[in-house]
């Protein structure tokens, strides 16, 4: 798919920094760069998000990929899987996130985090008191607040990329384990 907004030209320094981090210039940044203030704010907040450490990195990574899979953001799913590899997370689990309900590789906590990510992503959200309380009890308040804010940001990013017509750049092609396809009809459907 071609982005719905043409790509803007980035500075050489910005392009070089992205190539250092990802191996390519990130298409979402090229599209949003038509408004550098928006692009820089997004990049700055993403960097701050990456520095948060109250919640386990693998739980946040799995939540990111669950949101991307549900929203249909191929770029986010692609980069999420690529980042999981670069953060030395469990690639077998990461590869199964799009079909987590059918997979047997996840712990009960991971399954609840994946369910929570999808419940936050549903429109309207379908987070139950029981699901939230169970995660709060196991993660603690600081990690729960972080996980919730992280999932909320990922929802913004995935929906932004999806609406702008941004698709995969093939980042996950470098990963050693193929990314599973989302099972048709898996997860809770969004309300219409």
Protein backbone atom coordinates (compact mmCIF):
# COMPACT_ATOMS: atom_id res chain seq x y z
CA UNK A 1 0.00 0.00 0.00
CA UNK A 2 1.20 3.48 -0.79
CA UNK A 3 0.95 5.99 2.05
CA UNK A 4 -2.06 8.28 1.72
CA UNK A 5 0.16 11.28 2.48
CA UNK A 6 3.32 11.49 0.37
CA UNK A 7 6.58 11.09 2.20
CA UNK A 8 8.38 14.27 3.23
CA UNK A 9 12.12 14.64 2.88
CA UNK A 10 13.95 14.23 6.19
CA UNK A 11 17.25 15.81 7.09
CA UNK A 12 20.34 13.71 6.43
CA UNK A 13 21.00 13.45 10.16
CA UNK A 14 17.47 12.20 10.90
CA UNK A 15 17.65 9.68 8.05
CA UNK A 16 21.05 8.41 9.19
CA UNK A 17 19.86 8.02 12.80
CA UNK A 18 16.86 5.96 11.67
CA UNK A 19 18.98 3.76 9.45
CA UNK A 20 21.28 3.17 12.44
CA UNK A 21 18.32 2.13 14.61
CA UNK A 22 16.15 0.21 12.14
CA UNK A 23 18.21 -0.34 9.00
CA UNK A 24 15.73 1.85 7.07
CA UNK A 25 14.09 5.25 7.31
CA UNK A 26 10.78 4.70 9.09
CA UNK A 27 7.90 5.42 6.73
CA UNK A 28 5.63 6.74 9.53
CA UNK A 29 8.19 9.44 10.31
CA UNK A 30 8.54 10.37 6.64
CA UNK A 31 4.77 10.80 6.36
CA UNK A 32 4.30 12.74 9.61
CA UNK A 33 7.37 14.92 8.88
CA UNK A 34 5.10 17.24 6.87
CA UNK A 35 4.44 18.65 10.34
CA UNK A 36 7.84 18.43 12.10
CA UNK A 37 6.37 19.55 15.43
CA UNK A 38 3.99 16.57 15.43
CA UNK A 39 6.73 14.21 14.24
CA UNK A 40 9.26 15.36 16.85
CA UNK A 41 6.68 15.24 19.66
CA UNK A 42 5.81 11.69 18.65
CA UNK A 43 9.47 10.65 18.50
CA UNK A 44 10.23 12.29 21.86
CA UNK A 45 7.30 10.61 23.59
CA UNK A 46 8.22 7.27 22.00
CA UNK A 47 11.75 7.65 23.38
CA UNK A 48 10.40 8.45 26.85
CA UNK A 49 8.12 5.43 26.64
CA UNK A 50 11.16 3.28 25.87
CA UNK A 51 12.83 4.47 29.07
CA UNK A 52 9.95 3.40 31.31
CA UNK A 53 10.89 0.31 33.31
CA UNK A 54 8.20 -0.48 35.89
CA UNK A 55 6.53 -3.03 33.59
CA UNK A 56 8.34 -5.97 32.04
CA UNK A 57 9.64 -5.21 28.52
CA UNK A 58 8.33 -8.47 27.07
CA UNK A 59 4.82 -7.80 28.41
CA UNK A 60 4.84 -4.36 26.80
CA UNK A 61 6.21 -5.78 23.56
CA UNK A 62 3.51 -8.46 23.42
CA UNK A 63 0.84 -5.85 24.21
CA UNK A 64 2.16 -3.61 21.41
CA UNK A 65 1.97 -6.45 18.92
CA UNK A 66 -1.52 -7.47 20.10
CA UNK A 67 -2.80 -3.94 19.51
CA UNK A 68 -1.07 -3.75 16.11
CA UNK A 69 -2.54 -7.08 15.08
CA UNK A 70 -6.04 -6.11 16.18
CA UNK A 71 -5.98 -2.64 14.57
CA UNK A 72 -4.38 -4.00 11.42
CA UNK A 73 -1.20 -1.91 11.49
CA UNK A 74 1.22 -4.04 9.50
CA UNK A 75 4.05 -1.56 10.07
CA UNK A 76 3.59 -1.62 13.86
CA UNK A 77 3.41 -5.40 13.98
CA UNK A 78 6.48 -5.60 11.76
CA UNK A 79 8.55 -3.16 13.85
CA UNK A 80 7.28 -4.67 17.11
CA UNK A 81 8.51 -8.11 16.11
CA UNK A 82 11.81 -6.66 14.85
CA UNK A 83 12.29 -4.83 18.17
CA UNK A 84 11.48 -7.99 20.14
CA UNK A 85 14.39 -9.67 18.39
CA UNK A 86 16.72 -6.74 19.07
CA UNK A 87 15.71 -6.70 22.75
CA UNK A 88 16.47 -10.44 23.01
CA UNK A 89 12.88 -11.27 23.92
CA UNK A 90 11.37 -14.70 23.37
CA UNK A 91 10.87 -14.78 19.59
CA UNK A 92 8.77 -17.92 19.71
CA UNK A 93 6.27 -16.09 21.89
CA UNK A 94 6.57 -12.84 19.93
CA UNK A 95 5.90 -14.69 16.69
CA UNK A 96 2.69 -16.12 18.14
CA UNK A 97 1.12 -12.88 19.40
CA UNK A 98 -1.23 -12.50 16.41
CA UNK A 99 -2.73 -15.89 17.30
CA UNK A 100 -2.20 -15.83 21.06
CA UNK A 101 -5.61 -17.31 21.90
CA UNK A 102 -4.80 -20.52 19.99
CA UNK A 103 -1.12 -20.70 20.99
CA UNK A 104 0.07 -22.59 24.05
CA UNK A 105 3.35 -20.72 24.54
CA UNK A 106 2.06 -17.93 26.80
CA UNK A 107 1.91 -17.88 30.59
CA UNK A 108 -1.37 -16.95 32.32
CA UNK A 109 0.02 -13.45 33.05
CA UNK A 110 1.04 -12.93 29.41
CA UNK A 111 -2.40 -14.08 28.26
CA UNK A 112 -4.06 -11.59 30.59
CA UNK A 113 -1.83 -8.79 29.30
CA UNK A 114 -2.72 -9.71 25.70
CA UNK A 115 -6.40 -9.80 26.60
CA UNK A 116 -6.05 -6.44 28.37
CA UNK A 117 -4.36 -4.90 25.30
CA UNK A 118 -7.17 -6.11 23.07
CA UNK A 119 -9.85 -4.99 25.55
CA UNK A 120 -8.33 -1.50 25.64
CA UNK A 121 -8.25 -1.47 21.83
CA UNK A 122 -11.89 -2.45 21.35
CA UNK A 123 -14.31 0.34 20.53
CA UNK A 124 -15.71 0.96 23.02
CA UNK A 125 -13.09 -0.49 25.39
CA UNK A 126 -14.14 -3.75 27.07
CA UNK A 127 -11.76 -3.82 30.05
CA UNK A 128 -13.48 -5.54 32.97
CA UNK A 129 -12.94 -4.79 36.64
CA UNK A 130 -11.86 -8.42 37.13
CA UNK A 131 -9.21 -8.34 34.37
CA UNK A 132 -7.82 -5.02 35.59
CA UNK A 133 -7.81 -6.08 39.26
CA UNK A 134 -6.08 -9.37 38.43
CA UNK A 135 -3.31 -7.58 36.55
CA UNK A 136 -3.00 -4.88 39.20
CA UNK A 137 -2.62 -7.55 41.87
CA UNK A 138 0.17 -9.33 39.95
CA UNK A 139 1.97 -6.32 38.45
CA UNK A 140 1.58 -3.64 41.12
CA UNK A 141 0.29 -0.11 40.68
CA UNK A 142 3.38 1.42 39.00
CA UNK A 143 3.62 -1.31 36.36
CA UNK A 144 -0.14 -1.30 35.78
CA UNK A 145 -0.20 2.45 35.19
CA UNK A 146 2.77 2.11 32.83
CA UNK A 147 1.28 -0.80 30.91
CA UNK A 148 -2.03 1.06 30.50
CA UNK A 149 -0.34 4.26 29.26
CA UNK A 150 1.87 2.22 26.93
CA UNK A 151 -1.11 0.43 25.39
CA UNK A 152 -2.95 3.75 25.00
CA UNK A 153 0.02 5.26 23.15
CA UNK A 154 0.33 2.20 20.92
CA UNK A 155 -3.35 2.56 20.04
CA UNK A 156 -2.69 6.13 18.91
CA UNK A 157 0.35 5.13 16.88
CA UNK A 158 -1.26 2.09 15.21
CA UNK A 159 -4.41 3.99 14.31
CA UNK A 160 -2.35 6.92 12.98
CA UNK A 161 -0.28 4.62 10.77
CA UNK A 162 -3.33 2.69 9.62
CA UNK A 163 -5.24 5.86 8.69
CA UNK A 164 -2.20 7.21 6.82
CA UNK A 165 -1.99 4.00 4.77
CA UNK A 166 1.40 2.94 6.09
CA UNK A 167 2.23 -0.73 5.58
CA UNK A 168 5.05 -3.07 6.50
CA UNK A 169 8.60 -2.19 5.49
CA UNK A 170 9.74 -5.80 5.86
CA UNK A 171 11.68 -5.25 9.11
CA UNK A 172 10.57 -8.60 10.52
CA UNK A 173 11.96 -10.42 7.47
CA UNK A 174 15.34 -10.37 9.25
CA UNK A 175 13.92 -12.33 12.21
CA UNK A 176 14.75 -16.00 12.50
CA UNK A 177 11.22 -17.21 13.35
CA UNK A 178 8.34 -16.30 11.00
CA UNK A 179 5.58 -14.12 12.39
CA UNK A 180 2.29 -16.03 12.64
CA UNK A 181 -0.75 -14.67 10.86
CA UNK A 182 -3.71 -13.54 12.95
CA UNK A 183 -6.37 -16.20 13.04
CA UNK A 184 -9.54 -15.01 11.31
CA UNK A 185 -12.13 -14.08 13.92
CA UNK A 186 -9.71 -14.23 16.86
CA UNK A 187 -10.07 -11.73 19.64
CA UNK A 188 -13.03 -9.61 20.54
CA UNK A 189 -14.54 -7.73 17.66
CA UNK A 190 -14.92 -4.00 17.80
CA UNK A 191 -18.40 -2.71 18.38
CA UNK A 192 -19.91 -0.94 15.41
